[in-house]
Amino acid sequence: MKPPFRIVARMSNKINTKKHMEANMTLKQIYNSEFDKFYGILLYPYDIHKIQSNTTVLWLENILKNHHSIIFVIQTAEGEGIAFDRD
């Protein structure tokens, strides 16, 4: 395989408890600290409805802090979405 790579994956399949979410955030922080060595794009898909409501803000803050861009897609007939760039 030749770069650039395009990968869609999750660090952890479970994010429905605080413990799962913290483990997921730790894994992503470790990987993202080395991301500049990766030649490509990595997408992490998550169903935000499965995140505990009392930890949603912490999770979103972590996502914003540790990613170059974020895309939120709302499930509608129109396929609406919004994107945020960190830079």
PDB file of N, CA and C in Angstrom:
ATOM      1  N   MET A   1       0.834  -1.180   0.000  1.00  0.00           N
ATOM      2  CA  MET A   1       0.000   0.000   0.000  1.00  0.00           C
ATOM      3  C   MET A   1       0.878   1.242   0.000  1.00  0.00           C
ATOM      4  N   LYS A   2       0.421   2.226  -0.730  1.00  0.00           N
ATOM      5  CA  LYS A   2       1.162   3.478  -0.806  1.00  0.00           C
ATOM      6  C   LYS A   2       0.335   4.605  -0.189  1.00  0.00           C
ATOM      7  N   PRO A   3       1.000   5.505   0.524  1.00  0.00           N
ATOM      8  CA  PRO A   3       0.287   6.656   1.082  1.00  0.00           C
ATOM      9  C   PRO A   3      -0.127   7.611  -0.032  1.00  0.00           C
ATOM     10  N   PRO A   4      -1.086   8.477   0.185  1.00  0.00           N
ATOM     11  CA  PRO A   4      -1.720   8.761   1.470  1.00  0.00           C
ATOM     12  C   PRO A   4      -2.770   7.703   1.813  1.00  0.00           C
ATOM     13  N   PHE A   5      -2.869   7.421   3.106  1.00  0.00           N
ATOM     14  CA  PHE A   5      -3.817   6.438   3.604  1.00  0.00           C
ATOM     15  C   PHE A   5      -5.094   7.133   4.062  1.00  0.00           C
ATOM     16  N   ARG A   6      -6.207   6.475   3.871  1.00  0.00           N
ATOM     17  CA  ARG A   6      -7.501   6.960   4.362  1.00  0.00           C
ATOM     18  C   ARG A   6      -8.114   5.830   5.172  1.00  0.00           C
ATOM     19  N   ILE A   7      -8.223   6.042   6.457  1.00  0.00           N
ATOM     20  CA  ILE A   7      -8.677   4.991   7.355  1.00  0.00           C
ATOM     21  C   ILE A   7      -9.882   5.486   8.149  1.00  0.00           C
ATOM     22  N   VAL A   8     -10.901   4.646   8.226  1.00  0.00           N
ATOM     23  CA  VAL A   8     -12.056   4.912   9.078  1.00  0.00           C
ATOM     24  C   VAL A   8     -12.030   3.848  10.164  1.00  0.00           C
ATOM     25  N   ALA A   9     -11.879   4.272  11.416  1.00  0.00           N
ATOM     26  CA  ALA A   9     -11.728   3.310  12.512  1.00  0.00           C
ATOM     27  C   ALA A   9     -12.115   3.954  13.834  1.00  0.00           C
ATOM     28  N   ARG A  10     -12.217   3.114  14.847  1.00  0.00           N
ATOM     29  CA  ARG A  10     -12.422   3.582  16.218  1.00  0.00           C
ATOM     30  C   ARG A  10     -11.323   3.004  17.084  1.00  0.00           C
ATOM     31  N   MET A  11     -10.909   3.764  18.079  1.00  0.00           N
ATOM     32  CA  MET A  11      -9.924   3.259  19.029  1.00  0.00           C
ATOM     33  C   MET A  11     -10.564   2.227  19.947  1.00  0.00           C
ATOM     34  N   SER A  12     -11.833   2.407  20.217  1.00  0.00           N
ATOM     35  CA  SER A  12     -12.571   1.493  21.084  1.00  0.00           C
ATOM     36  C   SER A  12     -14.005   1.446  20.588  1.00  0.00           C
ATOM     37  N   ASN A  13     -14.592   0.278  20.612  1.00  0.00           N
ATOM     38  CA  ASN A  13     -15.963   0.139  20.132  1.00  0.00           C
ATOM     39  C   ASN A  13     -16.979   0.639  21.153  1.00  0.00           C
ATOM     40  N   LYS A  14     -16.561   0.762  22.405  1.00  0.00           N
ATOM     41  CA  LYS A  14     -17.491   1.155  23.464  1.00  0.00           C
ATOM     42  C   LYS A  14     -17.167   2.555  23.984  1.00  0.00           C
ATOM     43  N   ILE A  15     -18.175   3.401  24.019  1.00  0.00           N
ATOM     44  CA  ILE A  15     -18.034   4.732  24.621  1.00  0.00           C
ATOM     45  C   ILE A  15     -19.259   5.060  25.460  1.00  0.00           C
ATOM     46  N   ASN A  16     -19.978   4.019  25.895  1.00  0.00           N
ATOM     47  CA  ASN A  16     -21.237   4.260  26.594  1.00  0.00           C
ATOM     48  C   ASN A  16     -21.107   4.368  28.111  1.00  0.00           C
ATOM     49  N   THR A  17     -19.891   4.247  28.650  1.00  0.00           N
ATOM     50  CA  THR A  17     -19.680   4.496  30.077  1.00  0.00           C
ATOM     51  C   THR A  17     -18.516   5.468  30.228  1.00  0.00           C
ATOM     52  N   LYS A  18     -18.423   6.079  31.396  1.00  0.00           N
ATOM     53  CA  LYS A  18     -17.328   7.026  31.634  1.00  0.00           C
ATOM     54  C   LYS A  18     -15.976   6.328  31.529  1.00  0.00           C
ATOM     55  N   LYS A  19     -15.875   5.110  32.039  1.00  0.00           N
ATOM     56  CA  LYS A  19     -14.622   4.352  31.976  1.00  0.00           C
ATOM     57  C   LYS A  19     -14.226   4.063  30.526  1.00  0.00           C
ATOM     58  N   HIS A  20     -15.179   3.642  29.710  1.00  0.00           N
ATOM     59  CA  HIS A  20     -14.905   3.386  28.294  1.00  0.00           C
ATOM     60  C   HIS A  20     -14.464   4.667  27.584  1.00  0.00           C
ATOM     61  N   MET A  21     -15.161   5.768  27.868  1.00  0.00           N
ATOM     62  CA  MET A  21     -14.836   7.025  27.212  1.00  0.00           C
ATOM     63  C   MET A  21     -13.446   7.520  27.605  1.00  0.00           C
ATOM     64  N   GLU A  22     -13.086   7.403  28.877  1.00  0.00           N
ATOM     65  CA  GLU A  22     -11.758   7.826  29.323  1.00  0.00           C
ATOM     66  C   GLU A  22     -10.671   6.986  28.660  1.00  0.00           C
ATOM     67  N   ALA A  23     -10.894   5.681  28.548  1.00  0.00           N
ATOM     68  CA  ALA A  23      -9.921   4.810  27.877  1.00  0.00           C
ATOM     69  C   ALA A  23      -9.793   5.195  26.412  1.00  0.00           C
ATOM     70  N   ASN A  24     -10.905   5.485  25.771  1.00  0.00           N
ATOM     71  CA  ASN A  24     -10.900   5.890  24.372  1.00  0.00           C
ATOM     72  C   ASN A  24     -10.140   7.195  24.187  1.00  0.00           C
ATOM     73  N   MET A  25     -10.379   8.168  25.065  1.00  0.00           N
ATOM     74  CA  MET A  25      -9.695   9.458  24.959  1.00  0.00           C
ATOM     75  C   MET A  25      -8.193   9.300  25.175  1.00  0.00           C
ATOM     76  N   THR A  26      -7.797   8.448  26.106  1.00  0.00           N
ATOM     77  CA  THR A  26      -6.372   8.211  26.359  1.00  0.00           C
ATOM     78  C   THR A  26      -5.705   7.605  25.135  1.00  0.00           C
ATOM     79  N   LEU A  27      -6.332   6.601  24.543  1.00  0.00           N
ATOM     80  CA  LEU A  27      -5.770   5.976  23.338  1.00  0.00           C
ATOM     81  C   LEU A  27      -5.644   6.981  22.199  1.00  0.00           C
ATOM     82  N   LYS A  28      -6.663   7.809  22.013  1.00  0.00           N
ATOM     83  CA  LYS A  28      -6.615   8.795  20.935  1.00  0.00           C
ATOM     84  C   LYS A  28      -5.562   9.864  21.195  1.00  0.00           C
ATOM     85  N   GLN A  29      -5.376  10.269  22.445  1.00  0.00           N
ATOM     86  CA  GLN A  29      -4.338  11.254  22.758  1.00  0.00           C
ATOM     87  C   GLN A  29      -2.957  10.700  22.434  1.00  0.00           C
ATOM     88  N   ILE A  30      -2.737   9.432  22.766  1.00  0.00           N
ATOM     89  CA  ILE A  30      -1.442   8.803  22.468  1.00  0.00           C
ATOM     90  C   ILE A  30      -1.228   8.748  20.962  1.00  0.00           C
ATOM     91  N   TYR A  31      -2.230   8.281  20.236  1.00  0.00           N
ATOM     92  CA  TYR A  31      -2.086   8.181  18.785  1.00  0.00           C
ATOM     93  C   TYR A  31      -1.939   9.560  18.148  1.00  0.00           C
ATOM     94  N   ASN A  32      -2.772  10.495  18.556  1.00  0.00           N
ATOM     95  CA  ASN A  32      -2.745  11.819  17.937  1.00  0.00           C
ATOM     96  C   ASN A  32      -1.457  12.577  18.220  1.00  0.00           C
ATOM     97  N   SER A  33      -0.749  12.237  19.293  1.00  0.00           N
ATOM     98  CA  SER A  33       0.535  12.888  19.561  1.00  0.00           C
ATOM     99  C   SER A  33       1.581  12.480  18.526  1.00  0.00           C
ATOM    100  N   GLU A  34       1.342  11.379  17.827  1.00  0.00           N
ATOM    101  CA  GLU A  34       2.255  10.895  16.788  1.00  0.00           C
ATOM    102  C   GLU A  34       1.662  11.055  15.385  1.00  0.00           C
ATOM    103  N   PHE A  35       0.527  11.738  15.276  1.00  0.00           N
ATOM    104  CA  PHE A  35      -0.205  11.789  14.012  1.00  0.00           C
ATOM    105  C   PHE A  35       0.599  12.414  12.878  1.00  0.00           C
ATOM    106  N   ASP A  36       1.469  13.355  13.168  1.00  0.00           N
ATOM    107  CA  ASP A  36       2.239  14.013  12.111  1.00  0.00           C
ATOM    108  C   ASP A  36       3.133  13.040  11.351  1.00  0.00           C
ATOM    109  N   LYS A  37       3.410  11.887  11.935  1.00  0.00           N
ATOM    110  CA  LYS A  37       4.221  10.868  11.261  1.00  0.00           C
ATOM    111  C   LYS A  37       3.380   9.994  10.331  1.00  0.00           C
ATOM    112  N   PHE A  38       2.067  10.112  10.439  1.00  0.00           N
ATOM    113  CA  PHE A  38       1.139   9.323   9.626  1.00  0.00           C
ATOM    114  C   PHE A  38       0.775  10.127   8.394  1.00  0.00           C
ATOM    115  N   TYR A  39       0.978   9.561   7.224  1.00  0.00           N
ATOM    116  CA  TYR A  39       0.693  10.281   5.988  1.00  0.00           C
ATOM    117  C   TYR A  39      -0.682   9.860   5.484  1.00  0.00           C
ATOM    118  N   GLY A  40      -1.697  10.583   5.918  1.00  0.00           N
ATOM    119  CA  GLY A  40      -3.036  10.249   5.481  1.00  0.00           C
ATOM    120  C   GLY A  40      -4.103  10.899   6.326  1.00  0.00           C
ATOM    121  N   ILE A  41      -5.288  10.335   6.221  1.00  0.00           N
ATOM    122  CA  ILE A  41      -6.461  10.844   6.915  1.00  0.00           C
ATOM    123  C   ILE A  41      -7.045   9.717   7.748  1.00  0.00           C
ATOM    124  N   LEU A  42      -7.407  10.025   8.977  1.00  0.00           N
ATOM    125  CA  LEU A  42      -8.029   9.044   9.858  1.00  0.00           C
ATOM    126  C   LEU A  42      -9.351   9.608  10.352  1.00  0.00           C
ATOM    127  N   LEU A  43     -10.432   8.888  10.108  1.00  0.00           N
ATOM    128  CA  LEU A  43     -11.761   9.306  10.552  1.00  0.00           C
ATOM    129  C   LEU A  43     -12.228   8.389  11.670  1.00  0.00           C
ATOM    130  N   TYR A  44     -12.724   8.996  12.753  1.00  0.00           N
ATOM    131  CA  TYR A  44     -13.275   8.238  13.879  1.00  0.00           C
ATOM    132  C   TYR A  44     -14.792   8.439  13.890  1.00  0.00           C
ATOM    133  N   PRO A  45     -15.589   7.456  13.478  1.00  0.00           N
ATOM    134  CA  PRO A  45     -17.050   7.630  13.530  1.00  0.00           C
ATOM    135  C   PRO A  45     -17.614   7.231  14.899  1.00  0.00           C
ATOM    136  N   TYR A  46     -18.478   8.067  15.441  1.00  0.00           N
ATOM    137  CA  TYR A  46     -19.113   7.769  16.729  1.00  0.00           C
ATOM    138  C   TYR A  46     -20.572   8.165  16.682  1.00  0.00           C
ATOM    139  N   ASP A  47     -21.395   7.390  17.338  1.00  0.00           N
ATOM    140  CA  ASP A  47     -22.798   7.734  17.532  1.00  0.00           C
ATOM    141  C   ASP A  47     -22.874   8.492  18.854  1.00  0.00           C
ATOM    142  N   ILE A  48     -23.013   9.810  18.778  1.00  0.00           N
ATOM    143  CA  ILE A  48     -22.974  10.611  20.006  1.00  0.00           C
ATOM    144  C   ILE A  48     -24.165  10.333  20.921  1.00  0.00           C
ATOM    145  N   HIS A  49     -25.197   9.680  20.405  1.00  0.00           N
ATOM    146  CA  HIS A  49     -26.334   9.315  21.251  1.00  0.00           C
ATOM    147  C   HIS A  49     -25.962   8.232  22.261  1.00  0.00           C
ATOM    148  N   LYS A  50     -24.857   7.532  22.034  1.00  0.00           N
ATOM    149  CA  LYS A  50     -24.432   6.464  22.941  1.00  0.00           C
ATOM    150  C   LYS A  50     -23.498   6.966  24.046  1.00  0.00           C
ATOM    151  N   ILE A  51     -23.181   8.247  24.029  1.00  0.00           N
ATOM    152  CA  ILE A  51     -22.307   8.824  25.046  1.00  0.00           C
ATOM    153  C   ILE A  51     -23.158   9.228  26.244  1.00  0.00           C
ATOM    154  N   GLN A  52     -22.685   8.913  27.440  1.00  0.00           N
ATOM    155  CA  GLN A  52     -23.418   9.307  28.647  1.00  0.00           C
ATOM    156  C   GLN A  52     -23.594  10.817  28.666  1.00  0.00           C
ATOM    157  N   SER A  53     -24.792  11.265  28.931  1.00  0.00           N
ATOM    158  CA  SER A  53     -25.069  12.700  28.879  1.00  0.00           C
ATOM    159  C   SER A  53     -24.238  13.501  29.872  1.00  0.00           C
ATOM    160  N   ASN A  54     -23.856  12.920  31.001  1.00  0.00           N
ATOM    161  CA  ASN A  54     -23.076  13.675  31.987  1.00  0.00           C
ATOM    162  C   ASN A  54     -21.602  13.786  31.600  1.00  0.00           C
ATOM    163  N   THR A  55     -21.172  13.132  30.535  1.00  0.00           N
ATOM    164  CA  THR A  55     -19.776  13.223  30.096  1.00  0.00           C
ATOM    165  C   THR A  55     -19.643  13.783  28.682  1.00  0.00           C
ATOM    166  N   THR A  56     -20.739  14.170  28.070  1.00  0.00           N
ATOM    167  CA  THR A  56     -20.711  14.655  26.689  1.00  0.00           C
ATOM    168  C   THR A  56     -19.821  15.879  26.532  1.00  0.00           C
ATOM    169  N   VAL A  57     -19.907  16.842  27.438  1.00  0.00           N
ATOM    170  CA  VAL A  57     -19.104  18.065  27.328  1.00  0.00           C
ATOM    171  C   VAL A  57     -17.617  17.737  27.406  1.00  0.00           C
ATOM    172  N   LEU A  58     -17.220  16.902  28.361  1.00  0.00           N
ATOM    173  CA  LEU A  58     -15.818  16.492  28.485  1.00  0.00           C
ATOM    174  C   LEU A  58     -15.343  15.810  27.211  1.00  0.00           C
ATOM    175  N   TRP A  59     -16.155  14.929  26.662  1.00  0.00           N
ATOM    176  CA  TRP A  59     -15.799  14.205  25.442  1.00  0.00           C
ATOM    177  C   TRP A  59     -15.627  15.175  24.277  1.00  0.00           C
ATOM    178  N   LEU A  60     -16.574  16.106  24.113  1.00  0.00           N
ATOM    179  CA  LEU A  60     -16.488  17.077  23.019  1.00  0.00           C
ATOM    180  C   LEU A  60     -15.274  17.991  23.173  1.00  0.00           C
ATOM    181  N   GLU A  61     -14.980  18.440  24.392  1.00  0.00           N
ATOM    182  CA  GLU A  61     -13.791  19.270  24.619  1.00  0.00           C
ATOM    183  C   GLU A  61     -12.527  18.509  24.233  1.00  0.00           C
ATOM    184  N   ASN A  62     -12.465  17.241  24.582  1.00  0.00           N
ATOM    185  CA  ASN A  62     -11.313  16.415  24.247  1.00  0.00           C
ATOM    186  C   ASN A  62     -11.183  16.250  22.737  1.00  0.00           C
ATOM    187  N   ILE A  63     -12.293  16.040  22.059  1.00  0.00           N
ATOM    188  CA  ILE A  63     -12.287  15.903  20.602  1.00  0.00           C
ATOM    189  C   ILE A  63     -11.759  17.191  19.964  1.00  0.00           C
ATOM    190  N   LEU A  64     -12.269  18.327  20.390  1.00  0.00           N
ATOM    191  CA  LEU A  64     -11.838  19.610  19.827  1.00  0.00           C
ATOM    192  C   LEU A  64     -10.355  19.868  20.073  1.00  0.00           C
ATOM    193  N   LYS A  65      -9.861  19.475  21.234  1.00  0.00           N
ATOM    194  CA  LYS A  65      -8.469  19.734  21.604  1.00  0.00           C
ATOM    195  C   LYS A  65      -7.483  18.828  20.859  1.00  0.00           C
ATOM    196  N   ASN A  66      -7.887  17.612  20.541  1.00  0.00           N
ATOM    197  CA  ASN A  66      -6.946  16.613  20.042  1.00  0.00           C
ATOM    198  C   ASN A  66      -7.096  16.240  18.571  1.00  0.00           C
ATOM    199  N   HIS A  67      -7.895  16.971  17.823  1.00  0.00           N
ATOM    200  CA  HIS A  67      -8.079  16.651  16.412  1.00  0.00           C
ATOM    201  C   HIS A  67      -7.890  17.894  15.556  1.00  0.00           C
ATOM    202  N   HIS A  68      -7.456  17.681  14.333  1.00  0.00           N
ATOM    203  CA  HIS A  68      -7.271  18.792  13.406  1.00  0.00           C
ATOM    204  C   HIS A  68      -8.608  19.359  12.940  1.00  0.00           C
ATOM    205  N   SER A  69      -9.572  18.483  12.701  1.00  0.00           N
ATOM    206  CA  SER A  69     -10.903  18.884  12.249  1.00  0.00           C
ATOM    207  C   SER A  69     -11.943  17.937  12.822  1.00  0.00           C
ATOM    208  N   ILE A  70     -13.169  18.436  12.905  1.00  0.00           N
ATOM    209  CA  ILE A  70     -14.282  17.622  13.375  1.00  0.00           C
ATOM    210  C   ILE A  70     -15.440  17.837  12.415  1.00  0.00           C
ATOM    211  N   ILE A  71     -16.126  16.760  12.091  1.00  0.00           N
ATOM    212  CA  ILE A  71     -17.318  16.835  11.251  1.00  0.00           C
ATOM    213  C   ILE A  71     -18.464  16.186  12.017  1.00  0.00           C
ATOM    214  N   PHE A  72     -19.524  16.937  12.248  1.00  0.00           N
ATOM    215  CA  PHE A  72     -20.738  16.398  12.856  1.00  0.00           C
ATOM    216  C   PHE A  72     -21.770  16.258  11.746  1.00  0.00           C
ATOM    217  N   VAL A  73     -22.298  15.070  11.586  1.00  0.00           N
ATOM    218  CA  VAL A  73     -23.334  14.826  10.586  1.00  0.00           C
ATOM    219  C   VAL A  73     -24.614  14.460  11.321  1.00  0.00           C
ATOM    220  N   ILE A  74     -25.643  15.194  11.026  1.00  0.00           N
ATOM    221  CA  ILE A  74     -26.934  14.971  11.655  1.00  0.00           C
ATOM    222  C   ILE A  74     -27.749  14.066  10.740  1.00  0.00           C
ATOM    223  N   GLN A  75     -28.357  13.054  11.313  1.00  0.00           N
ATOM    224  CA  GLN A  75     -29.123  12.103  10.522  1.00  0.00           C
ATOM    225  C   GLN A  75     -30.476  12.706  10.158  1.00  0.00           C
ATOM    226  N   THR A  76     -30.544  13.254   8.952  1.00  0.00           N
ATOM    227  CA  THR A  76     -31.785  13.811   8.421  1.00  0.00           C
ATOM    228  C   THR A  76     -31.899  13.389   6.967  1.00  0.00           C
ATOM    229  N   ALA A  77     -33.029  13.639   6.381  1.00  0.00           N
ATOM    230  CA  ALA A  77     -33.217  13.324   4.966  1.00  0.00           C
ATOM    231  C   ALA A  77     -32.267  14.144   4.097  1.00  0.00           C
ATOM    232  N   GLU A  78     -31.903  15.344   4.569  1.00  0.00           N
ATOM    233  CA  GLU A  78     -31.009  16.213   3.806  1.00  0.00           C
ATOM    234  C   GLU A  78     -29.532  15.908   4.059  1.00  0.00           C
ATOM    235  N   GLY A  79     -29.240  15.115   5.085  1.00  0.00           N
ATOM    236  CA  GLY A  79     -27.846  14.802   5.400  1.00  0.00           C
ATOM    237  C   GLY A  79     -27.064  16.018   5.860  1.00  0.00           C
ATOM    238  N   GLU A  80     -27.629  16.815   6.726  1.00  0.00           N
ATOM    239  CA  GLU A  80     -26.996  18.048   7.189  1.00  0.00           C
ATOM    240  C   GLU A  80     -25.778  17.759   8.055  1.00  0.00           C
ATOM    241  N   GLY A  81     -24.825  18.668   8.041  1.00  0.00           N
ATOM    242  CA  GLY A  81     -23.639  18.511   8.861  1.00  0.00           C
ATOM    243  C   GLY A  81     -22.950  19.836   9.082  1.00  0.00           C
ATOM    244  N   ILE A  82     -21.951  19.819   9.949  1.00  0.00           N
ATOM    245  CA  ILE A  82     -21.160  21.012  10.238  1.00  0.00           C
ATOM    246  C   ILE A  82     -19.725  20.566  10.502  1.00  0.00           C
ATOM    247  N   ALA A  83     -18.773  21.381  10.080  1.00  0.00           N
ATOM    248  CA  ALA A  83     -17.358  21.032  10.253  1.00  0.00           C
ATOM    249  C   ALA A  83     -16.649  22.130  11.039  1.00  0.00           C
ATOM    250  N   PHE A  84     -15.685  21.719  11.861  1.00  0.00           N
ATOM    251  CA  PHE A  84     -14.863  22.634  12.646  1.00  0.00           C
ATOM    252  C   PHE A  84     -13.404  22.319  12.368  1.00  0.00           C
ATOM    253  N   ASP A  85     -12.612  23.332  12.068  1.00  0.00           N
ATOM    254  CA  ASP A  85     -11.168  23.169  11.918  1.00  0.00           C
ATOM    255  C   ASP A  85     -10.485  23.790  13.115  1.00  0.00           C
ATOM    256  N   ARG A  86      -9.494  23.091  13.659  1.00  0.00           N
ATOM    257  CA  ARG A  86      -8.782  23.583  14.835  1.00  0.00           C
ATOM    258  C   ARG A  86      -7.872  24.751  14.484  1.00  0.00           C
ATOM    259  N   ASP A  87      -7.275  24.733  13.333  1.00  0.00           N
ATOM    260  CA  ASP A  87      -6.301  25.772  12.962  1.00  0.00           C
ATOM    261  C   ASP A  87      -6.944  27.030  12.458  1.00  0.00           C
TER     262      ASP A  87
END
